[in-house]
Protein backbone atom coordinates (compact mmCIF):
# COMPACT_ATOMS: atom_id res chain seq x y z
CA MET A 1 0.68 -37.91 16.64
CA SER A 2 2.85 -39.13 13.82
CA ALA A 3 1.07 -36.71 11.49
CA LEU A 4 2.48 -33.79 13.44
CA THR A 5 6.07 -34.97 13.28
CA THR A 6 6.26 -35.80 9.61
CA SER A 7 7.63 -33.10 7.38
CA SER A 8 5.36 -33.56 4.42
CA SER A 9 4.18 -29.97 4.38
CA GLN A 10 4.74 -27.97 1.25
CA ARG A 11 7.55 -25.44 1.27
CA PHE A 12 6.97 -21.90 0.22
CA ASN A 13 8.56 -20.86 -3.02
CA TRP A 14 10.41 -17.93 -1.49
CA LYS A 15 12.04 -16.95 -4.74
CA THR A 16 8.65 -16.32 -6.36
CA ILE A 17 7.26 -14.61 -3.27
CA ALA A 18 10.27 -12.30 -2.96
CA LEU A 19 10.28 -11.56 -6.70
CA CYS A 20 6.59 -10.67 -6.67
CA ALA A 21 6.94 -8.46 -3.59
CA LEU A 22 9.97 -6.64 -5.02
CA ALA A 23 8.41 -6.22 -8.47
CA PHE A 24 5.17 -4.88 -6.96
CA TRP A 25 7.12 -2.53 -4.68
CA LEU A 26 9.41 -1.27 -7.43
CA SER A 27 6.56 -0.72 -9.89
CA GLY A 28 4.43 1.03 -7.28
CA SER A 29 7.31 3.33 -6.36
CA LEU A 30 7.97 4.17 -10.00
CA ILE A 31 4.29 4.91 -10.64
CA LEU A 32 4.14 7.13 -7.56
CA ASP A 33 7.38 8.96 -8.38
CA LEU A 34 7.10 9.25 -12.15
CA VAL A 35 3.35 9.50 -12.75
CA LEU A 36 1.32 10.45 -9.69
CA MET A 37 3.50 13.09 -8.03
CA PRO A 38 4.38 14.95 -11.27
CA THR A 39 0.69 14.94 -12.21
CA LEU A 40 -0.29 16.38 -8.83
CA TYR A 41 2.44 19.00 -9.13
CA MET A 42 1.52 19.99 -12.70
CA THR A 43 -2.17 20.37 -11.87
CA GLY A 44 -1.35 22.63 -8.94
CA MET A 45 -2.78 20.35 -6.29
CA THR A 46 0.42 20.47 -4.24
CA SER A 47 -0.18 24.15 -3.51
CA GLU A 48 -3.72 23.57 -2.21
CA PRO A 49 -4.17 24.08 1.53
CA GLY A 50 -5.48 20.55 2.16
CA PHE A 51 -2.73 18.79 0.24
CA ALA A 52 -0.62 18.07 3.34
CA THR A 53 -3.43 16.07 4.89
CA ALA A 54 -4.27 14.29 1.64
CA GLY A 55 -0.60 13.65 0.91
CA TYR A 56 -0.02 12.20 4.36
CA SER A 57 -3.02 9.90 3.92
CA MET A 58 -1.82 8.79 0.50
CA PHE A 59 1.81 8.32 1.56
CA GLY A 60 0.74 6.73 4.83
CA VAL A 61 -1.05 3.94 2.99
CA PHE A 62 1.72 3.55 0.43
CA ASN A 63 4.44 3.56 3.11
CA ARG A 64 2.67 0.76 5.00
CA ILE A 65 2.48 -1.26 1.79
CA GLU A 66 6.18 -0.56 1.27
CA LEU A 67 6.92 -1.82 4.78
CA LEU A 68 5.05 -5.02 4.02
CA CYS A 69 6.88 -5.52 0.72
CA ALA A 70 10.27 -4.82 2.32
CA ALA A 71 9.54 -7.29 5.13
CA ILE A 72 8.44 -9.96 2.64
CA ALA A 73 11.56 -9.34 0.54
CA LEU A 74 13.80 -9.60 3.62
CA THR A 75 12.07 -12.80 4.70
CA GLY A 76 12.47 -14.21 1.20
CA VAL A 77 16.17 -13.32 1.12
CA LEU A 78 16.72 -14.92 4.52
CA ALA A 79 14.88 -18.06 3.46
CA LEU A 80 16.81 -18.25 0.19
CA ARG A 81 20.08 -17.68 2.02
CA ASN A 82 19.20 -20.45 4.47
CA HIS A 83 18.23 -23.00 1.80
CA SER A 84 20.58 -22.07 -1.02
CA GLN A 85 24.17 -20.93 -1.13
CA SER A 86 23.80 -19.49 -4.63
CA ILE A 87 22.67 -16.13 -3.27
CA ASP A 88 25.41 -13.56 -2.61
CA HIS A 89 26.37 -12.57 0.91
CA TRP A 90 25.55 -8.88 0.39
CA THR A 91 21.85 -9.48 -0.28
CA VAL A 92 20.90 -9.79 3.41
CA PRO A 93 22.45 -6.42 4.39
CA LEU A 94 20.89 -4.87 1.29
CA ALA A 95 17.43 -6.18 2.21
CA ILE A 96 17.89 -4.92 5.79
CA GLY A 97 19.01 -1.54 4.43
CA LEU A 98 15.94 -1.32 2.21
CA LEU A 99 13.71 -2.03 5.20
CA GLY A 100 15.58 0.68 7.11
CA ILE A 101 15.06 3.21 4.31
CA VAL A 102 11.35 2.51 4.26
CA MET A 103 11.15 2.83 8.04
CA VAL A 104 12.92 6.22 7.93
CA CYS A 105 10.51 7.42 5.24
CA THR A 106 7.44 6.04 7.02
CA TYR A 107 8.16 7.06 10.58
CA GLY A 108 10.58 9.96 10.09
CA LEU A 109 10.17 11.97 6.93
CA ALA A 110 6.47 11.55 6.11
CA PRO A 111 5.14 12.76 9.48
CA GLN A 112 7.57 15.69 9.59
CA MET A 113 6.82 16.74 6.03
CA SER A 114 3.09 16.62 6.59
CA ALA A 115 3.42 18.57 9.84
CA LEU A 116 5.37 21.30 8.04
CA GLY A 117 2.80 21.38 5.26
CA LEU A 118 -0.22 21.77 7.52
CA GLN A 119 -1.75 25.20 7.44
CA LEU A 120 -2.65 25.87 11.05
CA ASP A 121 -3.50 29.54 10.62
CA LEU A 122 -6.62 29.62 8.46
CA PHE A 123 -6.52 33.41 8.13
CA SER A 124 -2.98 33.53 6.77
CA SER A 125 -2.66 33.62 3.01
CA SER A 126 1.06 32.79 3.03
CA THR A 127 1.81 29.89 0.73
CA GLU A 128 5.61 29.95 0.85
CA VAL A 129 7.33 26.65 1.42
CA PRO A 130 9.44 26.43 4.60
CA SER A 131 13.16 25.90 3.99
CA ALA A 132 13.07 22.73 6.08
CA MET A 133 10.55 21.29 3.62
CA ASN A 134 13.01 21.71 0.74
CA ARG A 135 15.69 19.91 2.78
CA MET A 136 13.27 17.08 3.55
CA HIS A 137 12.30 16.80 -0.11
CA PHE A 138 15.99 16.44 -0.95
CA GLU A 139 16.40 13.77 1.75
CA TYR A 140 13.32 11.97 0.46
CA TRP A 141 14.62 11.89 -3.12
CA VAL A 142 18.05 10.67 -2.02
CA LEU A 143 16.42 7.87 -0.02
CA GLU A 144 14.04 7.15 -2.89
CA LEU A 145 16.90 6.81 -5.39
CA MET A 146 18.78 4.55 -2.96
CA LYS A 147 15.61 2.47 -2.52
CA LEU A 148 15.01 2.16 -6.26
CA ALA A 149 18.63 1.20 -6.97
CA GLY A 150 18.76 -1.25 -4.05
CA SER A 151 15.46 -2.91 -4.86
CA GLY A 152 16.51 -3.22 -8.50
CA LEU A 153 19.79 -4.86 -7.46
CA LEU A 154 17.98 -7.18 -5.07
CA LEU A 155 15.37 -8.07 -7.68
CA ASN A 156 18.14 -8.90 -10.16
CA GLN A 157 20.06 -10.98 -7.61
CA ILE A 158 17.04 -13.00 -6.56
CA TYR A 159 15.99 -13.52 -10.17
CA ARG A 160 19.47 -14.90 -11.00
CA THR A 161 19.49 -17.42 -8.15
CA VAL A 162 19.18 -21.05 -9.09
CA LYS A 163 16.52 -23.10 -7.28
């Protein structure tokens, strides 16, 4: 029974965990935004009729990974804030905001954008983009820029913390 009450268990190194999650998340977002999407656009794949389904599958997987990374980063920030006072007070709201941005993209924008992109009438040859899709692309890029800036700030703040 005394083995259960002793606190000899190893602590997680939350700084390293949070740094790895944020670095993976930031690099994955940059690869998706700066390499993958421009390549798909330049090759003309975004105008293909099945792109909405493929895009939703691709973004669905990536958005779930983003949710996991944001949750790990938030947990790391909370753990660092609990164990160390060297982390600034604005990092917790920033980590919560980043999780909120990812949730809006995952459960709000991605399903609506894919629904607008689905071609339900197989006999129609119309390939014009609905105006709501352009608005959602603008919203996505605003949220994406906020996410990139916020995750960069958070990565820098956690990196500068002293153990």
